Amino acid sequence: MVRAGRVVDALETLREHAATRLALGDVDLSVNMIETFCLVFAEQEDASRAARMLGASSATRRAAEIPIAAPDAEWLEHSVRKVRDLPDPETWRTNVAAGSEFTLQDALYDALR
């Protein structure tokens, strides 16, 4: 949906199904969901939450040794590039670092608030 420009629909669908998906315990599925939240927040110019979702998803991928597929990495970078360093580089880095400390449940809580 995000790639089709239906950002609002994507966010609505994520909010509706995110808790159920996380409860499945599938780390790969869950990290993909957090990355989709990142995409949505980046497209909505919510740099703080996009950064935290990026930090959470990247840290989870590293810990679980789950690489991101090249096309997904390119799309994520394309969206994040729009908000990276907003409102300034230090704030962006601080938010990414904060997100990297999140559990998947923490990230979901932040995404749904």
PDB file of N, CA and C in Angstrom:
ATOM      1  N   MET A   1       0.807  -1.193   0.000  1.00  0.00           N
ATOM      2  CA  MET A   1       0.000   0.000   0.000  1.00  0.00           C
ATOM      3  C   MET A   1       0.855   1.264   0.000  1.00  0.00           C
ATOM      4  N   VAL A   2       1.935   1.251   0.778  1.00  0.00           N
ATOM      5  CA  VAL A   2       2.783   2.436   0.866  1.00  0.00           C
ATOM      6  C   VAL A   2       3.383   2.735  -0.508  1.00  0.00           C
ATOM      7  N   ARG A   3       3.859   1.715  -1.171  1.00  0.00           N
ATOM      8  CA  ARG A   3       4.482   1.903  -2.481  1.00  0.00           C
ATOM      9  C   ARG A   3       3.479   2.415  -3.508  1.00  0.00           C
ATOM     10  N   ALA A   4       2.208   2.129  -3.285  1.00  0.00           N
ATOM     11  CA  ALA A   4       1.163   2.606  -4.185  1.00  0.00           C
ATOM     12  C   ALA A   4       0.687   4.006  -3.802  1.00  0.00           C
ATOM     13  N   GLY A   5       1.309   4.589  -2.777  1.00  0.00           N
ATOM     14  CA  GLY A   5       0.943   5.929  -2.352  1.00  0.00           C
ATOM     15  C   GLY A   5      -0.245   5.969  -1.407  1.00  0.00           C
ATOM     16  N   ARG A   6      -0.688   4.825  -0.942  1.00  0.00           N
ATOM     17  CA  ARG A   6      -1.841   4.752  -0.037  1.00  0.00           C
ATOM     18  C   ARG A   6      -1.358   4.691   1.410  1.00  0.00           C
ATOM     19  N   VAL A   7      -0.710   5.744   1.828  1.00  0.00           N
ATOM     20  CA  VAL A   7      -0.065   5.802   3.143  1.00  0.00           C
ATOM     21  C   VAL A   7      -1.087   5.745   4.272  1.00  0.00           C
ATOM     22  N   VAL A   8      -2.152   6.473   4.156  1.00  0.00           N
ATOM     23  CA  VAL A   8      -3.182   6.488   5.204  1.00  0.00           C
ATOM     24  C   VAL A   8      -3.806   5.099   5.342  1.00  0.00           C
ATOM     25  N   ASP A   9      -4.108   4.455   4.214  1.00  0.00           N
ATOM     26  CA  ASP A   9      -4.660   3.099   4.254  1.00  0.00           C
ATOM     27  C   ASP A   9      -3.667   2.125   4.884  1.00  0.00           C
ATOM     28  N   ALA A  10      -2.395   2.284   4.550  1.00  0.00           N
ATOM     29  CA  ALA A  10      -1.367   1.410   5.112  1.00  0.00           C
ATOM     30  C   ALA A  10      -1.300   1.568   6.628  1.00  0.00           C
ATOM     31  N   LEU A  11      -1.337   2.804   7.099  1.00  0.00           N
ATOM     32  CA  LEU A  11      -1.280   3.042   8.540  1.00  0.00           C
ATOM     33  C   LEU A  11      -2.502   2.453   9.236  1.00  0.00           C
ATOM     34  N   GLU A  12      -3.647   2.617   8.646  1.00  0.00           N
ATOM     35  CA  GLU A  12      -4.875   2.068   9.221  1.00  0.00           C
ATOM     36  C   GLU A  12      -4.797   0.536   9.303  1.00  0.00           C
ATOM     37  N   THR A  13      -4.325  -0.088   8.253  1.00  0.00           N
ATOM     38  CA  THR A  13      -4.192  -1.546   8.234  1.00  0.00           C
ATOM     39  C   THR A  13      -3.161  -2.011   9.257  1.00  0.00           C
ATOM     40  N   LEU A  14      -2.043  -1.314   9.323  1.00  0.00           N
ATOM     41  CA  LEU A  14      -1.022  -1.656  10.314  1.00  0.00           C
ATOM     42  C   LEU A  14      -1.591  -1.571  11.727  1.00  0.00           C
ATOM     43  N   ARG A  15      -2.264  -0.483  12.020  1.00  0.00           N
ATOM     44  CA  ARG A  15      -2.816  -0.303  13.365  1.00  0.00           C
ATOM     45  C   ARG A  15      -3.830  -1.390  13.703  1.00  0.00           C
ATOM     46  N   GLU A  16      -4.582  -1.806  12.715  1.00  0.00           N
ATOM     47  CA  GLU A  16      -5.611  -2.822  12.928  1.00  0.00           C
ATOM     48  C   GLU A  16      -5.010  -4.203  13.196  1.00  0.00           C
ATOM     49  N   HIS A  17      -3.909  -4.531  12.534  1.00  0.00           N
ATOM     50  CA  HIS A  17      -3.392  -5.897  12.586  1.00  0.00           C
ATOM     51  C   HIS A  17      -2.038  -6.059  13.289  1.00  0.00           C
ATOM     52  N   ALA A  18      -1.415  -4.979  13.677  1.00  0.00           N
ATOM     53  CA  ALA A  18      -0.046  -5.047  14.201  1.00  0.00           C
ATOM     54  C   ALA A  18       0.084  -5.901  15.456  1.00  0.00           C
ATOM     55  N   ALA A  19      -0.786  -5.724  16.415  1.00  0.00           N
ATOM     56  CA  ALA A  19      -0.672  -6.481  17.664  1.00  0.00           C
ATOM     57  C   ALA A  19      -0.805  -7.978  17.415  1.00  0.00           C
ATOM     58  N   THR A  20      -1.706  -8.352  16.543  1.00  0.00           N
ATOM     59  CA  THR A  20      -1.899  -9.767  16.214  1.00  0.00           C
ATOM     60  C   THR A  20      -0.673 -10.333  15.534  1.00  0.00           C
ATOM     61  N   ARG A  21      -0.094  -9.575  14.619  1.00  0.00           N
ATOM     62  CA  ARG A  21       1.111 -10.040  13.926  1.00  0.00           C
ATOM     63  C   ARG A  21       2.273 -10.202  14.900  1.00  0.00           C
ATOM     64  N   LEU A  22       2.440  -9.257  15.791  1.00  0.00           N
ATOM     65  CA  LEU A  22       3.523  -9.334  16.764  1.00  0.00           C
ATOM     66  C   LEU A  22       3.334 -10.533  17.691  1.00  0.00           C
ATOM     67  N   ALA A  23       2.088 -10.803  18.061  1.00  0.00           N
ATOM     68  CA  ALA A  23       1.787 -11.911  18.970  1.00  0.00           C
ATOM     69  C   ALA A  23       2.138 -13.270  18.369  1.00  0.00           C
ATOM     70  N   LEU A  24       2.276 -13.349  17.057  1.00  0.00           N
ATOM     71  CA  LEU A  24       2.635 -14.616  16.421  1.00  0.00           C
ATOM     72  C   LEU A  24       4.044 -15.059  16.795  1.00  0.00           C
ATOM     73  N   GLY A  25       4.887 -14.105  17.205  1.00  0.00           N
ATOM     74  CA  GLY A  25       6.246 -14.437  17.615  1.00  0.00           C
ATOM     75  C   GLY A  25       7.215 -14.641  16.461  1.00  0.00           C
ATOM     76  N   ASP A  26       6.815 -14.297  15.262  1.00  0.00           N
ATOM     77  CA  ASP A  26       7.677 -14.429  14.081  1.00  0.00           C
ATOM     78  C   ASP A  26       8.509 -13.145  13.963  1.00  0.00           C
ATOM     79  N   VAL A  27       9.796 -13.238  14.269  1.00  0.00           N
ATOM     80  CA  VAL A  27      10.656 -12.058  14.305  1.00  0.00           C
ATOM     81  C   VAL A  27      10.751 -11.403  12.930  1.00  0.00           C
ATOM     82  N   ASP A  28      10.904 -12.195  11.887  1.00  0.00           N
ATOM     83  CA  ASP A  28      11.020 -11.645  10.539  1.00  0.00           C
ATOM     84  C   ASP A  28       9.753 -10.877  10.158  1.00  0.00           C
ATOM     85  N   LEU A  29       8.601 -11.452  10.401  1.00  0.00           N
ATOM     86  CA  LEU A  29       7.336 -10.789  10.116  1.00  0.00           C
ATOM     87  C   LEU A  29       7.203  -9.512  10.947  1.00  0.00           C
ATOM     88  N   SER A  30       7.584  -9.592  12.203  1.00  0.00           N
ATOM     89  CA  SER A  30       7.464  -8.431  13.091  1.00  0.00           C
ATOM     90  C   SER A  30       8.392  -7.302  12.681  1.00  0.00           C
ATOM     91  N   VAL A  31       9.629  -7.619  12.321  1.00  0.00           N
ATOM     92  CA  VAL A  31      10.561  -6.565  11.925  1.00  0.00           C
ATOM     93  C   VAL A  31      10.118  -5.938  10.602  1.00  0.00           C
ATOM     94  N   ASN A  32       9.550  -6.731   9.717  1.00  0.00           N
ATOM     95  CA  ASN A  32       9.009  -6.164   8.477  1.00  0.00           C
ATOM     96  C   ASN A  32       7.870  -5.197   8.767  1.00  0.00           C
ATOM     97  N   MET A  33       7.054  -5.522   9.754  1.00  0.00           N
ATOM     98  CA  MET A  33       5.959  -4.648  10.144  1.00  0.00           C
ATOM     99  C   MET A  33       6.506  -3.325  10.696  1.00  0.00           C
ATOM    100  N   ILE A  34       7.523  -3.404  11.557  1.00  0.00           N
ATOM    101  CA  ILE A  34       8.114  -2.186  12.118  1.00  0.00           C
ATOM    102  C   ILE A  34       8.737  -1.341  10.999  1.00  0.00           C
ATOM    103  N   GLU A  35       9.356  -1.984  10.027  1.00  0.00           N
ATOM    104  CA  GLU A  35       9.908  -1.245   8.881  1.00  0.00           C
ATOM    105  C   GLU A  35       8.802  -0.586   8.064  1.00  0.00           C
ATOM    106  N   THR A  36       7.655  -1.247   7.970  1.00  0.00           N
ATOM    107  CA  THR A  36       6.536  -0.633   7.252  1.00  0.00           C
ATOM    108  C   THR A  36       6.033   0.583   8.010  1.00  0.00           C
ATOM    109  N   PHE A  37       5.984   0.497   9.334  1.00  0.00           N
ATOM    110  CA  PHE A  37       5.655   1.699  10.119  1.00  0.00           C
ATOM    111  C   PHE A  37       6.673   2.800   9.820  1.00  0.00           C
ATOM    112  N   CYS A  38       7.947   2.442   9.750  1.00  0.00           N
ATOM    113  CA  CYS A  38       8.993   3.423   9.427  1.00  0.00           C
ATOM    114  C   CYS A  38       8.699   4.097   8.098  1.00  0.00           C
ATOM    115  N   LEU A  39       8.360   3.305   7.092  1.00  0.00           N
ATOM    116  CA  LEU A  39       8.034   3.859   5.769  1.00  0.00           C
ATOM    117  C   LEU A  39       6.868   4.837   5.858  1.00  0.00           C
ATOM    118  N   VAL A  40       5.818   4.424   6.554  1.00  0.00           N
ATOM    119  CA  VAL A  40       4.628   5.269   6.689  1.00  0.00           C
ATOM    120  C   VAL A  40       4.980   6.576   7.383  1.00  0.00           C
ATOM    121  N   PHE A  41       5.699   6.486   8.498  1.00  0.00           N
ATOM    122  CA  PHE A  41       6.049   7.703   9.230  1.00  0.00           C
ATOM    123  C   PHE A  41       6.959   8.606   8.393  1.00  0.00           C
ATOM    124  N   ALA A  42       7.865   8.019   7.642  1.00  0.00           N
ATOM    125  CA  ALA A  42       8.725   8.829   6.768  1.00  0.00           C
ATOM    126  C   ALA A  42       7.889   9.530   5.706  1.00  0.00           C
ATOM    127  N   GLU A  43       6.965   8.815   5.114  1.00  0.00           N
ATOM    128  CA  GLU A  43       6.108   9.420   4.089  1.00  0.00           C
ATOM    129  C   GLU A  43       5.212  10.509   4.671  1.00  0.00           C
ATOM    130  N   GLN A  44       4.869  10.398   5.949  1.00  0.00           N
ATOM    131  CA  GLN A  44       4.050  11.409   6.615  1.00  0.00           C
ATOM    132  C   GLN A  44       4.904  12.518   7.234  1.00  0.00           C
ATOM    133  N   GLU A  45       6.210  12.438   7.013  1.00  0.00           N
ATOM    134  CA  GLU A  45       7.169  13.412   7.528  1.00  0.00           C
ATOM    135  C   GLU A  45       7.204  13.461   9.052  1.00  0.00           C
ATOM    136  N   ASP A  46       6.954  12.325   9.680  1.00  0.00           N
ATOM    137  CA  ASP A  46       7.091  12.176  11.124  1.00  0.00           C
ATOM    138  C   ASP A  46       8.490  11.600  11.365  1.00  0.00           C
ATOM    139  N   ALA A  47       9.476  12.478  11.295  1.00  0.00           N
ATOM    140  CA  ALA A  47      10.877  12.057  11.338  1.00  0.00           C
ATOM    141  C   ALA A  47      11.240  11.359  12.638  1.00  0.00           C
ATOM    142  N   SER A  48      10.722  11.813  13.745  1.00  0.00           N
ATOM    143  CA  SER A  48      11.077  11.223  15.039  1.00  0.00           C
ATOM    144  C   SER A  48      10.664   9.762  15.111  1.00  0.00           C
ATOM    145  N   ARG A  49       9.419   9.482  14.762  1.00  0.00           N
ATOM    146  CA  ARG A  49       8.967   8.086  14.827  1.00  0.00           C
ATOM    147  C   ARG A  49       9.595   7.250  13.727  1.00  0.00           C
ATOM    148  N   ALA A  50       9.798   7.813  12.558  1.00  0.00           N
ATOM    149  CA  ALA A  50      10.483   7.068  11.495  1.00  0.00           C
ATOM    150  C   ALA A  50      11.874   6.651  11.966  1.00  0.00           C
ATOM    151  N   ALA A  51      12.573   7.562  12.616  1.00  0.00           N
ATOM    152  CA  ALA A  51      13.925   7.261  13.111  1.00  0.00           C
ATOM    153  C   ALA A  51      13.891   6.177  14.173  1.00  0.00           C
ATOM    154  N   ARG A  52      12.942   6.254  15.097  1.00  0.00           N
ATOM    155  CA  ARG A  52      12.855   5.235  16.150  1.00  0.00           C
ATOM    156  C   ARG A  52      12.506   3.869  15.568  1.00  0.00           C
ATOM    157  N   MET A  53      11.613   3.842  14.578  1.00  0.00           N
ATOM    158  CA  MET A  53      11.260   2.570  13.938  1.00  0.00           C
ATOM    159  C   MET A  53      12.459   2.006  13.178  1.00  0.00           C
ATOM    160  N   LEU A  54      13.232   2.893  12.544  1.00  0.00           N
ATOM    161  CA  LEU A  54      14.435   2.452  11.839  1.00  0.00           C
ATOM    162  C   LEU A  54      15.440   1.866  12.826  1.00  0.00           C
ATOM    163  N   GLY A  55      15.633   2.544  13.944  1.00  0.00           N
ATOM    164  CA  GLY A  55      16.547   2.037  14.964  1.00  0.00           C
ATOM    165  C   GLY A  55      16.102   0.686  15.498  1.00  0.00           C
ATOM    166  N   ALA A  56      14.811   0.551  15.778  1.00  0.00           N
ATOM    167  CA  ALA A  56      14.280  -0.711  16.309  1.00  0.00           C
ATOM    168  C   ALA A  56      14.419  -1.842  15.302  1.00  0.00           C
ATOM    169  N   SER A  57      14.059  -1.573  14.061  1.00  0.00           N
ATOM    170  CA  SER A  57      14.116  -2.645  13.055  1.00  0.00           C
ATOM    171  C   SER A  57      15.557  -3.040  12.746  1.00  0.00           C
ATOM    172  N   SER A  58      16.440  -2.071  12.653  1.00  0.00           N
ATOM    173  CA  SER A  58      17.849  -2.370  12.356  1.00  0.00           C
ATOM    174  C   SER A  58      18.493  -3.175  13.488  1.00  0.00           C
ATOM    175  N   ALA A  59      18.238  -2.772  14.722  1.00  0.00           N
ATOM    176  CA  ALA A  59      18.810  -3.487  15.868  1.00  0.00           C
ATOM    177  C   ALA A  59      18.261  -4.906  15.961  1.00  0.00           C
ATOM    178  N   THR A  60      16.976  -5.062  15.696  1.00  0.00           N
ATOM    179  CA  THR A  60      16.367  -6.394  15.749  1.00  0.00           C
ATOM    180  C   THR A  60      16.932  -7.283  14.654  1.00  0.00           C
ATOM    181  N   ARG A  61      17.092  -6.723  13.455  1.00  0.00           N
ATOM    182  CA  ARG A  61      17.685  -7.500  12.354  1.00  0.00           C
ATOM    183  C   ARG A  61      19.102  -7.956  12.716  1.00  0.00           C
ATOM    184  N   ARG A  62      19.896  -7.056  13.281  1.00  0.00           N
ATOM    185  CA  ARG A  62      21.260  -7.427  13.667  1.00  0.00           C
ATOM    186  C   ARG A  62      21.252  -8.532  14.717  1.00  0.00           C
ATOM    187  N   ALA A  63      20.450  -8.362  15.746  1.00  0.00           N
ATOM    188  CA  ALA A  63      20.411  -9.335  16.843  1.00  0.00           C
ATOM    189  C   ALA A  63      19.919 -10.701  16.376  1.00  0.00           C
ATOM    190  N   ALA A  64      18.949 -10.708  15.475  1.00  0.00           N
ATOM    191  CA  ALA A  64      18.379 -11.968  14.999  1.00  0.00           C
ATOM    192  C   ALA A  64      19.109 -12.508  13.766  1.00  0.00           C
ATOM    193  N   GLU A  65      20.083 -11.731  13.290  1.00  0.00           N
ATOM    194  CA  GLU A  65      20.838 -12.096  12.085  1.00  0.00           C
ATOM    195  C   GLU A  65      19.909 -12.348  10.896  1.00  0.00           C
ATOM    196  N   ILE A  66      18.976 -11.415  10.719  1.00  0.00           N
ATOM    197  CA  ILE A  66      18.032 -11.473   9.602  1.00  0.00           C
ATOM    198  C   ILE A  66      18.361 -10.320   8.658  1.00  0.00           C
ATOM    199  N   PRO A  67      18.974 -10.612   7.518  1.00  0.00           N
ATOM    200  CA  PRO A  67      19.291  -9.530   6.584  1.00  0.00           C
ATOM    201  C   PRO A  67      18.031  -8.996   5.911  1.00  0.00           C
ATOM    202  N   ILE A  68      18.115  -7.767   5.477  1.00  0.00           N
ATOM    203  CA  ILE A  68      17.014  -7.169   4.729  1.00  0.00           C
ATOM    204  C   ILE A  68      17.271  -7.408   3.244  1.00  0.00           C
ATOM    205  N   ALA A  69      16.236  -7.748   2.517  1.00  0.00           N
ATOM    206  CA  ALA A  69      16.358  -7.965   1.076  1.00  0.00           C
ATOM    207  C   ALA A  69      16.724  -6.653   0.396  1.00  0.00           C
ATOM    208  N   ALA A  70      17.547  -6.730  -0.627  1.00  0.00           N
ATOM    209  CA  ALA A  70      18.028  -5.527  -1.318  1.00  0.00           C
ATOM    210  C   ALA A  70      16.898  -4.613  -1.786  1.00  0.00           C
ATOM    211  N   PRO A  71      15.840  -5.124  -2.431  1.00  0.00           N
ATOM    212  CA  PRO A  71      14.767  -4.210  -2.853  1.00  0.00           C
ATOM    213  C   PRO A  71      14.089  -3.513  -1.674  1.00  0.00           C
ATOM    214  N   ASP A  72      13.931  -4.233  -0.569  1.00  0.00           N
ATOM    215  CA  ASP A  72      13.325  -3.629   0.619  1.00  0.00           C
ATOM    216  C   ASP A  72      14.242  -2.574   1.222  1.00  0.00           C
ATOM    217  N   ALA A  73      15.529  -2.846   1.241  1.00  0.00           N
ATOM    218  CA  ALA A  73      16.498  -1.874   1.753  1.00  0.00           C
ATOM    219  C   ALA A  73      16.493  -0.612   0.910  1.00  0.00           C
ATOM    220  N   GLU A  74      16.415  -0.782  -0.402  1.00  0.00           N
ATOM    221  CA  GLU A  74      16.379   0.386  -1.300  1.00  0.00           C
ATOM    222  C   GLU A  74      15.123   1.216  -1.067  1.00  0.00           C
ATOM    223  N   TRP A  75      13.977   0.556  -0.914  1.00  0.00           N
ATOM    224  CA  TRP A  75      12.733   1.291  -0.698  1.00  0.00           C
ATOM    225  C   TRP A  75      12.758   2.005   0.652  1.00  0.00           C
ATOM    226  N   LEU A  76      13.271   1.332   1.674  1.00  0.00           N
ATOM    227  CA  LEU A  76      13.376   1.947   2.990  1.00  0.00           C
ATOM    228  C   LEU A  76      14.276   3.172   2.932  1.00  0.00           C
ATOM    229  N   GLU A  77      15.408   3.045   2.285  1.00  0.00           N
ATOM    230  CA  GLU A  77      16.339   4.177   2.151  1.00  0.00           C
ATOM    231  C   GLU A  77      15.691   5.324   1.380  1.00  0.00           C
ATOM    232  N   HIS A  78      14.960   4.999   0.342  1.00  0.00           N
ATOM    233  CA  HIS A  78      14.277   6.025  -0.460  1.00  0.00           C
ATOM    234  C   HIS A  78      13.327   6.851   0.414  1.00  0.00           C
ATOM    235  N   SER A  79      12.557   6.177   1.247  1.00  0.00           N
ATOM    236  CA  SER A  79      11.603   6.887   2.103  1.00  0.00           C
ATOM    237  C   SER A  79      12.294   7.627   3.238  1.00  0.00           C
ATOM    238  N   VAL A  80      13.252   6.971   3.876  1.00  0.00           N
ATOM    239  CA  VAL A  80      13.941   7.570   5.022  1.00  0.00           C
ATOM    240  C   VAL A  80      14.749   8.791   4.594  1.00  0.00           C
ATOM    241  N   ARG A  81      15.275   8.762   3.392  1.00  0.00           N
ATOM    242  CA  ARG A  81      16.069   9.894   2.891  1.00  0.00           C
ATOM    243  C   ARG A  81      15.285  11.198   2.967  1.00  0.00           C
ATOM    244  N   LYS A  82      13.968  11.126   2.851  1.00  0.00           N
ATOM    245  CA  LYS A  82      13.119  12.322   2.878  1.00  0.00           C
ATOM    246  C   LYS A  82      13.114  13.014   4.238  1.00  0.00           C
ATOM    247  N   VAL A  83      13.356  12.234   5.297  1.00  0.00           N
ATOM    248  CA  VAL A  83      13.261  12.809   6.642  1.00  0.00           C
ATOM    249  C   VAL A  83      14.543  12.689   7.452  1.00  0.00           C
ATOM    250  N   ARG A  84      15.513  11.995   6.898  1.00  0.00           N
ATOM    251  CA  ARG A  84      16.783  11.836   7.625  1.00  0.00           C
ATOM    252  C   ARG A  84      17.341  13.217   7.953  1.00  0.00           C
ATOM    253  N   ASP A  85      17.832  13.338   9.132  1.00  0.00           N
ATOM    254  CA  ASP A  85      18.438  14.579   9.626  1.00  0.00           C
ATOM    255  C   ASP A  85      17.416  15.656   9.957  1.00  0.00           C
ATOM    256  N   LEU A  86      16.138  15.275  10.104  1.00  0.00           N
ATOM    257  CA  LEU A  86      15.123  16.247  10.525  1.00  0.00           C
ATOM    258  C   LEU A  86      14.795  16.015  11.988  1.00  0.00           C
ATOM    259  N   PRO A  87      14.632  17.016  12.767  1.00  0.00           N
ATOM    260  CA  PRO A  87      14.806  18.420  12.403  1.00  0.00           C
ATOM    261  C   PRO A  87      16.265  18.815  12.250  1.00  0.00           C
ATOM    262  N   ASP A  88      17.173  17.954  12.760  1.00  0.00           N
ATOM    263  CA  ASP A  88      18.607  18.186  12.594  1.00  0.00           C
ATOM    264  C   ASP A  88      19.303  16.833  12.754  1.00  0.00           C
ATOM    265  N   PRO A  89      20.522  16.704  12.293  1.00  0.00           N
ATOM    266  CA  PRO A  89      21.210  15.401  12.348  1.00  0.00           C
ATOM    267  C   PRO A  89      21.327  14.808  13.751  1.00  0.00           C
ATOM    268  N   GLU A  90      21.584  15.625  14.745  1.00  0.00           N
ATOM    269  CA  GLU A  90      21.740  15.111  16.110  1.00  0.00           C
ATOM    270  C   GLU A  90      20.431  14.526  16.642  1.00  0.00           C
ATOM    271  N   THR A  91      19.328  15.203  16.400  1.00  0.00           N
ATOM    272  CA  THR A  91      18.027  14.694  16.846  1.00  0.00           C
ATOM    273  C   THR A  91      17.706  13.395  16.134  1.00  0.00           C
ATOM    274  N   TRP A  92      17.997  13.329  14.838  1.00  0.00           N
ATOM    275  CA  TRP A  92      17.776  12.093  14.079  1.00  0.00           C
ATOM    276  C   TRP A  92      18.566  10.944  14.714  1.00  0.00           C
ATOM    277  N   ARG A  93      19.850  11.175  14.951  1.00  0.00           N
ATOM    278  CA  ARG A  93      20.700  10.130  15.540  1.00  0.00           C
ATOM    279  C   ARG A  93      20.200   9.722  16.930  1.00  0.00           C
ATOM    280  N   THR A  94      19.765  10.680  17.712  1.00  0.00           N
ATOM    281  CA  THR A  94      19.239  10.399  19.046  1.00  0.00           C
ATOM    282  C   THR A  94      18.007   9.511  18.959  1.00  0.00           C
ATOM    283  N   ASN A  95      17.118   9.801  18.032  1.00  0.00           N
ATOM    284  CA  ASN A  95      15.908   8.997  17.873  1.00  0.00           C
ATOM    285  C   ASN A  95      16.218   7.600  17.345  1.00  0.00           C
ATOM    286  N   VAL A  96      17.158   7.476  16.415  1.00  0.00           N
ATOM    287  CA  VAL A  96      17.557   6.149  15.925  1.00  0.00           C
ATOM    288  C   VAL A  96      18.145   5.342  17.086  1.00  0.00           C
ATOM    289  N   ALA A  97      19.001   5.979  17.881  1.00  0.00           N
ATOM    290  CA  ALA A  97      19.612   5.301  19.028  1.00  0.00           C
ATOM    291  C   ALA A  97      18.547   4.869  20.039  1.00  0.00           C
ATOM    292  N   ALA A  98      17.581   5.737  20.290  1.00  0.00           N
ATOM    293  CA  ALA A  98      16.501   5.380  21.222  1.00  0.00           C
ATOM    294  C   ALA A  98      15.741   4.170  20.698  1.00  0.00           C
ATOM    295  N   GLY A  99      15.426   4.173  19.424  1.00  0.00           N
ATOM    296  CA  GLY A  99      14.714   3.044  18.830  1.00  0.00           C
ATOM    297  C   GLY A  99      15.509   1.760  18.868  1.00  0.00           C
ATOM    298  N   SER A 100      16.827   1.870  18.788  1.00  0.00           N
ATOM    299  CA  SER A 100      17.657   0.662  18.791  1.00  0.00           C
ATOM    300  C   SER A 100      17.621  -0.043  20.152  1.00  0.00           C
ATOM    301  N   GLU A 101      17.148   0.651  21.174  1.00  0.00           N
ATOM    302  CA  GLU A 101      17.004   0.063  22.502  1.00  0.00           C
ATOM    303  C   GLU A 101      15.624  -0.571  22.703  1.00  0.00           C
ATOM    304  N   PHE A 102      14.723  -0.361  21.763  1.00  0.00           N
ATOM    305  CA  PHE A 102      13.358  -0.865  21.880  1.00  0.00           C
ATOM    306  C   PHE A 102      13.302  -2.375  21.681  1.00  0.00           C
ATOM    307  N   THR A 103      12.393  -3.003  22.396  1.00  0.00           N
ATOM    308  CA  THR A 103      11.968  -4.350  22.034  1.00  0.00           C
ATOM    309  C   THR A 103      10.956  -4.172  20.899  1.00  0.00           C
ATOM    310  N   LEU A 104      10.568  -5.244  20.268  1.00  0.00           N
ATOM    311  CA  LEU A 104       9.533  -5.138  19.238  1.00  0.00           C
ATOM    312  C   LEU A 104       8.233  -4.616  19.844  1.00  0.00           C
ATOM    313  N   GLN A 105       7.935  -5.019  21.070  1.00  0.00           N
ATOM    314  CA  GLN A 105       6.732  -4.532  21.741  1.00  0.00           C
ATOM    315  C   GLN A 105       6.825  -3.028  22.005  1.00  0.00           C
ATOM    316  N   ASP A 106       7.996  -2.555  22.420  1.00  0.00           N
ATOM    317  CA  ASP A 106       8.203  -1.119  22.619  1.00  0.00           C
ATOM    318  C   ASP A 106       7.973  -0.358  21.315  1.00  0.00           C
ATOM    319  N   ALA A 107       8.519  -0.884  20.231  1.00  0.00           N
ATOM    320  CA  ALA A 107       8.374  -0.230  18.927  1.00  0.00           C
ATOM    321  C   ALA A 107       6.912  -0.177  18.531  1.00  0.00           C
ATOM    322  N   LEU A 108       6.197  -1.268  18.754  1.00  0.00           N
ATOM    323  CA  LEU A 108       4.777  -1.285  18.416  1.00  0.00           C
ATOM    324  C   LEU A 108       4.014  -0.266  19.257  1.00  0.00           C
ATOM    325  N   TYR A 109       4.305  -0.208  20.549  1.00  0.00           N
ATOM    326  CA  TYR A 109       3.654   0.767  21.417  1.00  0.00           C
ATOM    327  C   TYR A 109       3.897   2.193  20.898  1.00  0.00           C
ATOM    328  N   ASP A 110       5.132   2.485  20.539  1.00  0.00           N
ATOM    329  CA  ASP A 110       5.479   3.819  20.021  1.00  0.00           C
ATOM    330  C   ASP A 110       4.751   4.078  18.699  1.00  0.00           C
ATOM    331  N   ALA A 111       4.671   3.083  17.850  1.00  0.00           N
ATOM    332  CA  ALA A 111       4.022   3.257  16.556  1.00  0.00           C
ATOM    333  C   ALA A 111       2.523   3.479  16.691  1.00  0.00           C
ATOM    334  N   LEU A 112       1.927   2.879  17.684  1.00  0.00           N
ATOM    335  CA  LEU A 112       0.461   2.958  17.842  1.00  0.00           C
ATOM    336  C   LEU A 112      -0.023   4.140  18.665  1.00  0.00           C
ATOM    337  N   ARG A 113       0.881   4.811  19.341  1.00  0.00           N
ATOM    338  CA  ARG A 113       0.422   5.937  20.184  1.00  0.00           C
ATOM    339  C   ARG A 113       0.034   7.133  19.377  1.00  0.00           C
TER     340      ARG A 113
END
